[in-house]
Amino acid sequence: MINVEVAFARPDRQEIIGLQVEQGTSAVEAVKRSGITAVFPEIDPEKNDMGIFGKVIKNPSDHELRDGDRVEVYRPLKIDPKQARLNRAKKKT
């Protein structure tokens, strides 16, 4: 067994759930087992982007976790970062 954490944050609330999983457990499986979807029903483990300590995982369903990993579930972007920068630049002029 290995110890991992699953984390999710909204502007109004954040949660980090620690759990033990078998060696070879994927990031997606850890999110499902953590029960974090009961706290944040907007999470879809099959669709949300995920990362380990701030580094994006390309394929969370295939990414095997290591002892001490923290799986971060990311919220979808509301606006493309390039568009947001462009909008801010336009406001300044």
PDB file of N, CA and C in Angstrom:
ATOM      1  N   MET A   1       0.842  -1.188   0.000  1.00  0.00           N
ATOM      2  CA  MET A   1       0.000   0.000   0.000  1.00  0.00           C
ATOM      3  C   MET A   1       0.890   1.255   0.000  1.00  0.00           C
ATOM      4  N   ILE A   2       0.402   2.275  -0.683  1.00  0.00           N
ATOM      5  CA  ILE A   2       1.094   3.566  -0.704  1.00  0.00           C
ATOM      6  C   ILE A   2       0.131   4.644  -0.220  1.00  0.00           C
ATOM      7  N   ASN A   3       0.677   5.729   0.299  1.00  0.00           N
ATOM      8  CA  ASN A   3      -0.127   6.866   0.760  1.00  0.00           C
ATOM      9  C   ASN A   3      -0.127   7.946  -0.308  1.00  0.00           C
ATOM     10  N   VAL A   4      -1.326   8.407  -0.679  1.00  0.00           N
ATOM     11  CA  VAL A   4      -1.468   9.487  -1.653  1.00  0.00           C
ATOM     12  C   VAL A   4      -2.523  10.469  -1.144  1.00  0.00           C
ATOM     13  N   GLU A   5      -2.582  11.618  -1.788  1.00  0.00           N
ATOM     14  CA  GLU A   5      -3.606  12.613  -1.483  1.00  0.00           C
ATOM     15  C   GLU A   5      -4.307  12.997  -2.770  1.00  0.00           C
ATOM     16  N   VAL A   6      -5.579  13.377  -2.642  1.00  0.00           N
ATOM     17  CA  VAL A   6      -6.350  13.906  -3.766  1.00  0.00           C
ATOM     18  C   VAL A   6      -6.814  15.297  -3.349  1.00  0.00           C
ATOM     19  N   ALA A   7      -6.558  16.291  -4.213  1.00  0.00           N
ATOM     20  CA  ALA A   7      -6.865  17.680  -3.874  1.00  0.00           C
ATOM     21  C   ALA A   7      -7.721  18.328  -4.960  1.00  0.00           C
ATOM     22  N   PHE A   8      -8.628  19.206  -4.508  1.00  0.00           N
ATOM     23  CA  PHE A   8      -9.438  20.005  -5.428  1.00  0.00           C
ATOM     24  C   PHE A   8      -9.727  21.326  -4.732  1.00  0.00           C
ATOM     25  N   ALA A   9      -9.775  22.391  -5.492  1.00  0.00           N
ATOM     26  CA  ALA A   9     -10.038  23.708  -4.900  1.00  0.00           C
ATOM     27  C   ALA A   9     -10.951  24.532  -5.793  1.00  0.00           C
ATOM     28  N   ARG A  10     -11.874  25.208  -5.135  1.00  0.00           N
ATOM     29  CA  ARG A  10     -12.689  26.247  -5.763  1.00  0.00           C
ATOM     30  C   ARG A  10     -12.352  27.534  -5.025  1.00  0.00           C
ATOM     31  N   PRO A  11     -12.759  28.674  -5.566  1.00  0.00           N
ATOM     32  CA  PRO A  11     -12.454  29.925  -4.849  1.00  0.00           C
ATOM     33  C   PRO A  11     -13.012  29.945  -3.421  1.00  0.00           C
ATOM     34  N   ASP A  12     -14.123  29.258  -3.182  1.00  0.00           N
ATOM     35  CA  ASP A  12     -14.763  29.296  -1.874  1.00  0.00           C
ATOM     36  C   ASP A  12     -14.406  28.131  -0.958  1.00  0.00           C
ATOM     37  N   ARG A  13     -13.797  27.065  -1.502  1.00  0.00           N
ATOM     38  CA  ARG A  13     -13.525  25.891  -0.674  1.00  0.00           C
ATOM     39  C   ARG A  13     -12.455  25.021  -1.318  1.00  0.00           C
ATOM     40  N   GLN A  14     -11.624  24.407  -0.471  1.00  0.00           N
ATOM     41  CA  GLN A  14     -10.655  23.446  -0.975  1.00  0.00           C
ATOM     42  C   GLN A  14     -10.649  22.234  -0.062  1.00  0.00           C
ATOM     43  N   GLU A  15     -10.224  21.119  -0.612  1.00  0.00           N
ATOM     44  CA  GLU A  15     -10.219  19.870   0.145  1.00  0.00           C
ATOM     45  C   GLU A  15      -9.025  19.036  -0.290  1.00  0.00           C
ATOM     46  N   ILE A  16      -8.333  18.447   0.682  1.00  0.00           N
ATOM     47  CA  ILE A  16      -7.267  17.488   0.407  1.00  0.00           C
ATOM     48  C   ILE A  16      -7.614  16.230   1.195  1.00  0.00           C
ATOM     49  N   ILE A  17      -7.754  15.119   0.486  1.00  0.00           N
ATOM     50  CA  ILE A  17      -8.145  13.861   1.108  1.00  0.00           C
ATOM     51  C   ILE A  17      -6.997  12.868   0.984  1.00  0.00           C
ATOM     52  N   GLY A  18      -6.543  12.367   2.116  1.00  0.00           N
ATOM     53  CA  GLY A  18      -5.488  11.364   2.130  1.00  0.00           C
ATOM     54  C   GLY A  18      -6.084   9.965   2.103  1.00  0.00           C
ATOM     55  N   LEU A  19      -5.432   9.064   1.382  1.00  0.00           N
ATOM     56  CA  LEU A  19      -5.904   7.686   1.343  1.00  0.00           C
ATOM     57  C   LEU A  19      -4.759   6.740   1.029  1.00  0.00           C
ATOM     58  N   GLN A  20      -4.981   5.472   1.310  1.00  0.00           N
ATOM     59  CA  GLN A  20      -4.027   4.427   0.962  1.00  0.00           C
ATOM     60  C   GLN A  20      -4.582   3.649  -0.214  1.00  0.00           C
ATOM     61  N   VAL A  21      -3.724   3.409  -1.200  1.00  0.00           N
ATOM     62  CA  VAL A  21      -4.108   2.643  -2.384  1.00  0.00           C
ATOM     63  C   VAL A  21      -3.017   1.614  -2.675  1.00  0.00           C
ATOM     64  N   GLU A  22      -3.359   0.655  -3.498  1.00  0.00           N
ATOM     65  CA  GLU A  22      -2.383  -0.356  -3.888  1.00  0.00           C
ATOM     66  C   GLU A  22      -1.364   0.244  -4.843  1.00  0.00           C
ATOM     67  N   GLN A  23      -0.149  -0.304  -4.804  1.00  0.00           N
ATOM     68  CA  GLN A  23       0.877   0.075  -5.784  1.00  0.00           C
ATOM     69  C   GLN A  23       0.299  -0.173  -7.174  1.00  0.00           C
ATOM     70  N   GLY A  24       0.503   0.750  -8.110  1.00  0.00           N
ATOM     71  CA  GLY A  24      -0.005   0.595  -9.467  1.00  0.00           C
ATOM     72  C   GLY A  24      -1.351   1.252  -9.708  1.00  0.00           C
ATOM     73  N   THR A  25      -1.937   1.878  -8.670  1.00  0.00           N
ATOM     74  CA  THR A  25      -3.222   2.566  -8.823  1.00  0.00           C
ATOM     75  C   THR A  25      -3.029   3.809  -9.687  1.00  0.00           C
ATOM     76  N   SER A  26      -3.989   4.046 -10.595  1.00  0.00           N
ATOM     77  CA  SER A  26      -3.910   5.217 -11.474  1.00  0.00           C
ATOM     78  C   SER A  26      -4.444   6.458 -10.760  1.00  0.00           C
ATOM     79  N   ALA A  27      -4.111   7.619 -11.311  1.00  0.00           N
ATOM     80  CA  ALA A  27      -4.599   8.885 -10.752  1.00  0.00           C
ATOM     81  C   ALA A  27      -6.125   8.931 -10.777  1.00  0.00           C
ATOM     82  N   VAL A  28      -6.730   8.491 -11.881  1.00  0.00           N
ATOM     83  CA  VAL A  28      -8.192   8.505 -12.004  1.00  0.00           C
ATOM     84  C   VAL A  28      -8.820   7.608 -10.939  1.00  0.00           C
ATOM     85  N   GLU A  29      -8.258   6.425 -10.750  1.00  0.00           N
ATOM     86  CA  GLU A  29      -8.796   5.488  -9.768  1.00  0.00           C
ATOM     87  C   GLU A  29      -8.681   6.065  -8.347  1.00  0.00           C
ATOM     88  N   ALA A  30      -7.585   6.738  -8.039  1.00  0.00           N
ATOM     89  CA  ALA A  30      -7.421   7.349  -6.724  1.00  0.00           C
ATOM     90  C   ALA A  30      -8.471   8.435  -6.485  1.00  0.00           C
ATOM     91  N   VAL A  31      -8.758   9.232  -7.516  1.00  0.00           N
ATOM     92  CA  VAL A  31      -9.790  10.269  -7.393  1.00  0.00           C
ATOM     93  C   VAL A  31     -11.136   9.616  -7.104  1.00  0.00           C
ATOM     94  N   LYS A  32     -11.453   8.555  -7.823  1.00  0.00           N
ATOM     95  CA  LYS A  32     -12.729   7.861  -7.605  1.00  0.00           C
ATOM     96  C   LYS A  32     -12.807   7.290  -6.187  1.00  0.00           C
ATOM     97  N   ARG A  33     -11.734   6.657  -5.735  1.00  0.00           N
ATOM     98  CA  ARG A  33     -11.735   6.019  -4.409  1.00  0.00           C
ATOM     99  C   ARG A  33     -11.725   7.024  -3.266  1.00  0.00           C
ATOM    100  N   SER A  34     -11.239   8.224  -3.517  1.00  0.00           N
ATOM    101  CA  SER A  34     -11.119   9.224  -2.449  1.00  0.00           C
ATOM    102  C   SER A  34     -12.474   9.711  -1.938  1.00  0.00           C
ATOM    103  N   GLY A  35     -13.496   9.632  -2.771  1.00  0.00           N
ATOM    104  CA  GLY A  35     -14.806  10.138  -2.389  1.00  0.00           C
ATOM    105  C   GLY A  35     -14.936  11.646  -2.552  1.00  0.00           C
ATOM    106  N   ILE A  36     -13.964  12.274  -3.183  1.00  0.00           N
ATOM    107  CA  ILE A  36     -13.995  13.734  -3.330  1.00  0.00           C
ATOM    108  C   ILE A  36     -15.159  14.194  -4.214  1.00  0.00           C
ATOM    109  N   THR A  37     -15.653  13.307  -5.074  1.00  0.00           N
ATOM    110  CA  THR A  37     -16.798  13.676  -5.926  1.00  0.00           C
ATOM    111  C   THR A  37     -18.075  13.843  -5.106  1.00  0.00           C
ATOM    112  N   ALA A  38     -18.127  13.267  -3.903  1.00  0.00           N
ATOM    113  CA  ALA A  38     -19.282  13.487  -3.019  1.00  0.00           C
ATOM    114  C   ALA A  38     -19.242  14.895  -2.437  1.00  0.00           C
ATOM    115  N   VAL A  39     -18.037  15.437  -2.259  1.00  0.00           N
ATOM    116  CA  VAL A  39     -17.865  16.794  -1.728  1.00  0.00           C
ATOM    117  C   VAL A  39     -18.032  17.826  -2.845  1.00  0.00           C
ATOM    118  N   PHE A  40     -17.467  17.498  -4.026  1.00  0.00           N
ATOM    119  CA  PHE A  40     -17.518  18.394  -5.187  1.00  0.00           C
ATOM    120  C   PHE A  40     -18.138  17.625  -6.369  1.00  0.00           C
ATOM    121  N   PRO A  41     -19.461  17.623  -6.491  1.00  0.00           N
ATOM    122  CA  PRO A  41     -20.111  16.829  -7.553  1.00  0.00           C
ATOM    123  C   PRO A  41     -19.756  17.281  -8.970  1.00  0.00           C
ATOM    124  N   GLU A  42     -19.169  18.474  -9.113  1.00  0.00           N
ATOM    125  CA  GLU A  42     -18.804  18.943 -10.455  1.00  0.00           C
ATOM    126  C   GLU A  42     -17.576  18.216 -11.014  1.00  0.00           C
ATOM    127  N   ILE A  43     -16.875  17.465 -10.175  1.00  0.00           N
ATOM    128  CA  ILE A  43     -15.701  16.722 -10.646  1.00  0.00           C
ATOM    129  C   ILE A  43     -16.148  15.507 -11.444  1.00  0.00           C
ATOM    130  N   ASP A  44     -15.568  15.355 -12.627  1.00  0.00           N
ATOM    131  CA  ASP A  44     -15.746  14.147 -13.431  1.00  0.00           C
ATOM    132  C   ASP A  44     -14.358  13.536 -13.619  1.00  0.00           C
ATOM    133  N   PRO A  45     -14.047  12.462 -12.876  1.00  0.00           N
ATOM    134  CA  PRO A  45     -12.696  11.905 -12.949  1.00  0.00           C
ATOM    135  C   PRO A  45     -12.263  11.492 -14.358  1.00  0.00           C
ATOM    136  N   GLU A  46     -13.209  11.221 -15.220  1.00  0.00           N
ATOM    137  CA  GLU A  46     -12.873  10.814 -16.589  1.00  0.00           C
ATOM    138  C   GLU A  46     -12.576  12.014 -17.483  1.00  0.00           C
ATOM    139  N   LYS A  47     -12.991  13.230 -17.083  1.00  0.00           N
ATOM    140  CA  LYS A  47     -12.852  14.398 -17.957  1.00  0.00           C
ATOM    141  C   LYS A  47     -11.954  15.501 -17.418  1.00  0.00           C
ATOM    142  N   ASN A  48     -11.939  15.705 -16.099  1.00  0.00           N
ATOM    143  CA  ASN A  48     -11.136  16.783 -15.539  1.00  0.00           C
ATOM    144  C   ASN A  48      -9.647  16.531 -15.766  1.00  0.00           C
ATOM    145  N   ASP A  49      -8.908  17.608 -16.041  1.00  0.00           N
ATOM    146  CA  ASP A  49      -7.450  17.505 -16.111  1.00  0.00           C
ATOM    147  C   ASP A  49      -6.915  17.290 -14.704  1.00  0.00           C
ATOM    148  N   MET A  50      -5.763  16.612 -14.620  1.00  0.00           N
ATOM    149  CA  MET A  50      -5.153  16.334 -13.322  1.00  0.00           C
ATOM    150  C   MET A  50      -3.657  16.566 -13.397  1.00  0.00           C
ATOM    151  N   GLY A  51      -3.065  16.733 -12.230  1.00  0.00           N
ATOM    152  CA  GLY A  51      -1.623  16.887 -12.138  1.00  0.00           C
ATOM    153  C   GLY A  51      -1.110  16.296 -10.842  1.00  0.00           C
ATOM    154  N   ILE A  52       0.206  16.171 -10.760  1.00  0.00           N
ATOM    155  CA  ILE A  52       0.883  15.736  -9.542  1.00  0.00           C
ATOM    156  C   ILE A  52       1.779  16.888  -9.115  1.00  0.00           C
ATOM    157  N   PHE A  53       1.491  17.469  -7.966  1.00  0.00           N
ATOM    158  CA  PHE A  53       2.265  18.602  -7.449  1.00  0.00           C
ATOM    159  C   PHE A  53       2.475  19.683  -8.511  1.00  0.00           C
ATOM    160  N   GLY A  54       1.410  20.064  -9.215  1.00  0.00           N
ATOM    161  CA  GLY A  54       1.465  21.168 -10.164  1.00  0.00           C
ATOM    162  C   GLY A  54       1.931  20.818 -11.560  1.00  0.00           C
ATOM    163  N   LYS A  55       2.313  19.575 -11.789  1.00  0.00           N
ATOM    164  CA  LYS A  55       2.747  19.164 -13.125  1.00  0.00           C
ATOM    165  C   LYS A  55       1.640  18.342 -13.775  1.00  0.00           C
ATOM    166  N   VAL A  56       1.143  18.814 -14.918  1.00  0.00           N
ATOM    167  CA  VAL A  56       0.008  18.177 -15.583  1.00  0.00           C
ATOM    168  C   VAL A  56       0.347  16.753 -16.018  1.00  0.00           C
ATOM    169  N   ILE A  57      -0.619  15.854 -15.799  1.00  0.00           N
ATOM    170  CA  ILE A  57      -0.500  14.465 -16.252  1.00  0.00           C
ATOM    171  C   ILE A  57      -1.210  14.367 -17.598  1.00  0.00           C
ATOM    172  N   LYS A  58      -0.523  13.862 -18.607  1.00  0.00           N
ATOM    173  CA  LYS A  58      -1.129  13.769 -19.943  1.00  0.00           C
ATOM    174  C   LYS A  58      -2.253  12.745 -19.995  1.00  0.00           C
ATOM    175  N   ASN A  59      -2.099  11.599 -19.345  1.00  0.00           N
ATOM    176  CA  ASN A  59      -3.127  10.556 -19.381  1.00  0.00           C
ATOM    177  C   ASN A  59      -3.347  10.012 -17.963  1.00  0.00           C
ATOM    178  N   PRO A  60      -4.223  10.680 -17.174  1.00  0.00           N
ATOM    179  CA  PRO A  60      -4.404  10.297 -15.773  1.00  0.00           C
ATOM    180  C   PRO A  60      -4.854   8.846 -15.562  1.00  0.00           C
ATOM    181  N   SER A  61      -5.575   8.284 -16.522  1.00  0.00           N
ATOM    182  CA  SER A  61      -6.047   6.905 -16.338  1.00  0.00           C
ATOM    183  C   SER A  61      -4.917   5.895 -16.468  1.00  0.00           C
ATOM    184  N   ASP A  62      -3.790   6.292 -17.072  1.00  0.00           N
ATOM    185  CA  ASP A  62      -2.635   5.404 -17.210  1.00  0.00           C
ATOM    186  C   ASP A  62      -1.490   5.757 -16.266  1.00  0.00           C
ATOM    187  N   HIS A  63      -1.593   6.889 -15.579  1.00  0.00           N
ATOM    188  CA  HIS A  63      -0.493   7.361 -14.727  1.00  0.00           C
ATOM    189  C   HIS A  63      -0.519   6.619 -13.391  1.00  0.00           C
ATOM    190  N   GLU A  64       0.500   5.795 -13.138  1.00  0.00           N
ATOM    191  CA  GLU A  64       0.597   5.068 -11.873  1.00  0.00           C
ATOM    192  C   GLU A  64       1.177   5.973 -10.796  1.00  0.00           C
ATOM    193  N   LEU A  65       0.505   5.999  -9.661  1.00  0.00           N
ATOM    194  CA  LEU A  65       0.929   6.857  -8.558  1.00  0.00           C
ATOM    195  C   LEU A  65       2.074   6.240  -7.774  1.00  0.00           C
ATOM    196  N   ARG A  66       2.859   7.120  -7.157  1.00  0.00           N
ATOM    197  CA  ARG A  66       3.951   6.697  -6.274  1.00  0.00           C
ATOM    198  C   ARG A  66       3.629   7.161  -4.857  1.00  0.00           C
ATOM    199  N   ASP A  67       4.258   6.544  -3.893  1.00  0.00           N
ATOM    200  CA  ASP A  67       4.032   6.892  -2.496  1.00  0.00           C
ATOM    201  C   ASP A  67       4.290   8.381  -2.285  1.00  0.00           C
ATOM    202  N   GLY A  68       3.336   9.056  -1.648  1.00  0.00           N
ATOM    203  CA  GLY A  68       3.476  10.476  -1.348  1.00  0.00           C
ATOM    204  C   GLY A  68       2.938  11.419  -2.410  1.00  0.00           C
ATOM    205  N   ASP A  69       2.479  10.898  -3.559  1.00  0.00           N
ATOM    206  CA  ASP A  69       1.941  11.763  -4.612  1.00  0.00           C
ATOM    207  C   ASP A  69       0.669  12.467  -4.147  1.00  0.00           C
ATOM    208  N   ARG A  70       0.477  13.700  -4.632  1.00  0.00           N
ATOM    209  CA  ARG A  70      -0.776  14.413  -4.431  1.00  0.00           C
ATOM    210  C   ARG A  70      -1.393  14.649  -5.801  1.00  0.00           C
ATOM    211  N   VAL A  71      -2.532  14.024  -6.033  1.00  0.00           N
ATOM    212  CA  VAL A  71      -3.256  14.192  -7.300  1.00  0.00           C
ATOM    213  C   VAL A  71      -4.091  15.461  -7.176  1.00  0.00           C
ATOM    214  N   GLU A  72      -3.855  16.402  -8.072  1.00  0.00           N
ATOM    215  CA  GLU A  72      -4.620  17.646  -8.088  1.00  0.00           C
ATOM    216  C   GLU A  72      -5.608  17.585  -9.246  1.00  0.00           C
ATOM    217  N   VAL A  73      -6.871  17.778  -8.925  1.00  0.00           N
ATOM    218  CA  VAL A  73      -7.915  17.801  -9.951  1.00  0.00           C
ATOM    219  C   VAL A  73      -8.132  19.264 -10.315  1.00  0.00           C
ATOM    220  N   TYR A  74      -8.037  19.574 -11.607  1.00  0.00           N
ATOM    221  CA  TYR A  74      -8.124  20.965 -12.058  1.00  0.00           C
ATOM    222  C   TYR A  74      -9.519  21.291 -12.580  1.00  0.00           C
ATOM    223  N   ARG A  75      -9.943  22.518 -12.276  1.00  0.00           N
ATOM    224  CA  ARG A  75     -11.217  23.013 -12.810  1.00  0.00           C
ATOM    225  C   ARG A  75     -11.016  23.406 -14.262  1.00  0.00           C
ATOM    226  N   PRO A  76     -12.065  23.269 -15.083  1.00  0.00           N
ATOM    227  CA  PRO A  76     -11.930  23.715 -16.477  1.00  0.00           C
ATOM    228  C   PRO A  76     -11.750  25.238 -16.538  1.00  0.00           C
ATOM    229  N   LEU A  77     -10.989  25.692 -17.510  1.00  0.00           N
ATOM    230  CA  LEU A  77     -10.788  27.129 -17.691  1.00  0.00           C
ATOM    231  C   LEU A  77     -12.069  27.768 -18.206  1.00  0.00           C
ATOM    232  N   LYS A  78     -12.386  28.943 -17.686  1.00  0.00           N
ATOM    233  CA  LYS A  78     -13.568  29.657 -18.164  1.00  0.00           C
ATOM    234  C   LYS A  78     -13.264  30.458 -19.415  1.00  0.00           C
ATOM    235  N   ILE A  79     -11.991  30.844 -19.536  1.00  0.00           N
ATOM    236  CA  ILE A  79     -11.568  31.617 -20.707  1.00  0.00           C
ATOM    237  C   ILE A  79     -10.133  31.209 -21.036  1.00  0.00           C
ATOM    238  N   ASP A  80      -9.822  31.185 -22.302  1.00  0.00           N
ATOM    239  CA  ASP A  80      -8.478  30.855 -22.748  1.00  0.00           C
ATOM    240  C   ASP A  80      -7.493  31.887 -22.186  1.00  0.00           C
ATOM    241  N   PRO A  81      -6.378  31.468 -21.606  1.00  0.00           N
ATOM    242  CA  PRO A  81      -5.421  32.426 -21.019  1.00  0.00           C
ATOM    243  C   PRO A  81      -4.942  33.485 -21.998  1.00  0.00           C
ATOM    244  N   LYS A  82      -4.773  33.128 -23.261  1.00  0.00           N
ATOM    245  CA  LYS A  82      -4.341  34.119 -24.263  1.00  0.00           C
ATOM    246  C   LYS A  82      -5.414  35.187 -24.446  1.00  0.00           C
ATOM    247  N   GLN A  83      -6.671  34.765 -24.475  1.00  0.00           N
ATOM    248  CA  GLN A  83      -7.768  35.720 -24.628  1.00  0.00           C
ATOM    249  C   GLN A  83      -7.867  36.613 -23.396  1.00  0.00           C
ATOM    250  N   ALA A  84      -7.664  36.056 -22.215  1.00  0.00           N
ATOM    251  CA  ALA A  84      -7.720  36.846 -20.981  1.00  0.00           C
ATOM    252  C   ALA A  84      -6.649  37.936 -20.988  1.00  0.00           C
ATOM    253  N   ARG A  85      -5.426  37.594 -21.420  1.00  0.00           N
ATOM    254  CA  ARG A  85      -4.349  38.592 -21.498  1.00  0.00           C
ATOM    255  C   ARG A  85      -4.710  39.688 -22.504  1.00  0.00           C
ATOM    256  N   LEU A  86      -5.261  39.269 -23.636  1.00  0.00           N
ATOM    257  CA  LEU A  86      -5.663  40.241 -24.651  1.00  0.00           C
ATOM    258  C   LEU A  86      -6.734  41.183 -24.101  1.00  0.00           C
ATOM    259  N   ASN A  87      -7.701  40.629 -23.386  1.00  0.00           N
ATOM    260  CA  ASN A  87      -8.764  41.452 -22.791  1.00  0.00           C
ATOM    261  C   ASN A  87      -8.198  42.454 -21.795  1.00  0.00           C
ATOM    262  N   ARG A  88      -7.234  42.007 -20.954  1.00  0.00           N
ATOM    263  CA  ARG A  88      -6.621  42.918 -19.975  1.00  0.00           C
ATOM    264  C   ARG A  88      -5.828  44.023 -20.672  1.00  0.00           C
ATOM    265  N   ALA A  89      -5.142  43.662 -21.741  1.00  0.00           N
ATOM    266  CA  ALA A  89      -4.356  44.653 -22.482  1.00  0.00           C
ATOM    267  C   ALA A  89      -5.264  45.711 -23.097  1.00  0.00           C
ATOM    268  N   LYS A  90      -6.410  45.295 -23.605  1.00  0.00           N
ATOM    269  CA  LYS A  90      -7.351  46.239 -24.210  1.00  0.00           C
ATOM    270  C   LYS A  90      -7.914  47.199 -23.178  1.00  0.00           C
ATOM    271  N   LYS A  91      -8.129  46.732 -21.940  1.00  0.00           N
ATOM    272  CA  LYS A  91      -8.671  47.586 -20.888  1.00  0.00           C
ATOM    273  C   LYS A  91      -7.698  48.684 -20.484  1.00  0.00           C
ATOM    274  N   LYS A  92      -6.395  48.406 -20.573  1.00  0.00           N
ATOM    275  CA  LYS A  92      -5.380  49.371 -20.161  1.00  0.00           C
ATOM    276  C   LYS A  92      -5.246  50.524 -21.137  1.00  0.00           C
ATOM    277  N   THR A  93      -5.636  50.333 -22.389  1.00  0.00           N
ATOM    278  CA  THR A  93      -5.451  51.396 -23.387  1.00  0.00           C
ATOM    279  C   THR A  93      -6.637  52.302 -23.473  1.00  0.00           C
TER     280      THR A  93
END
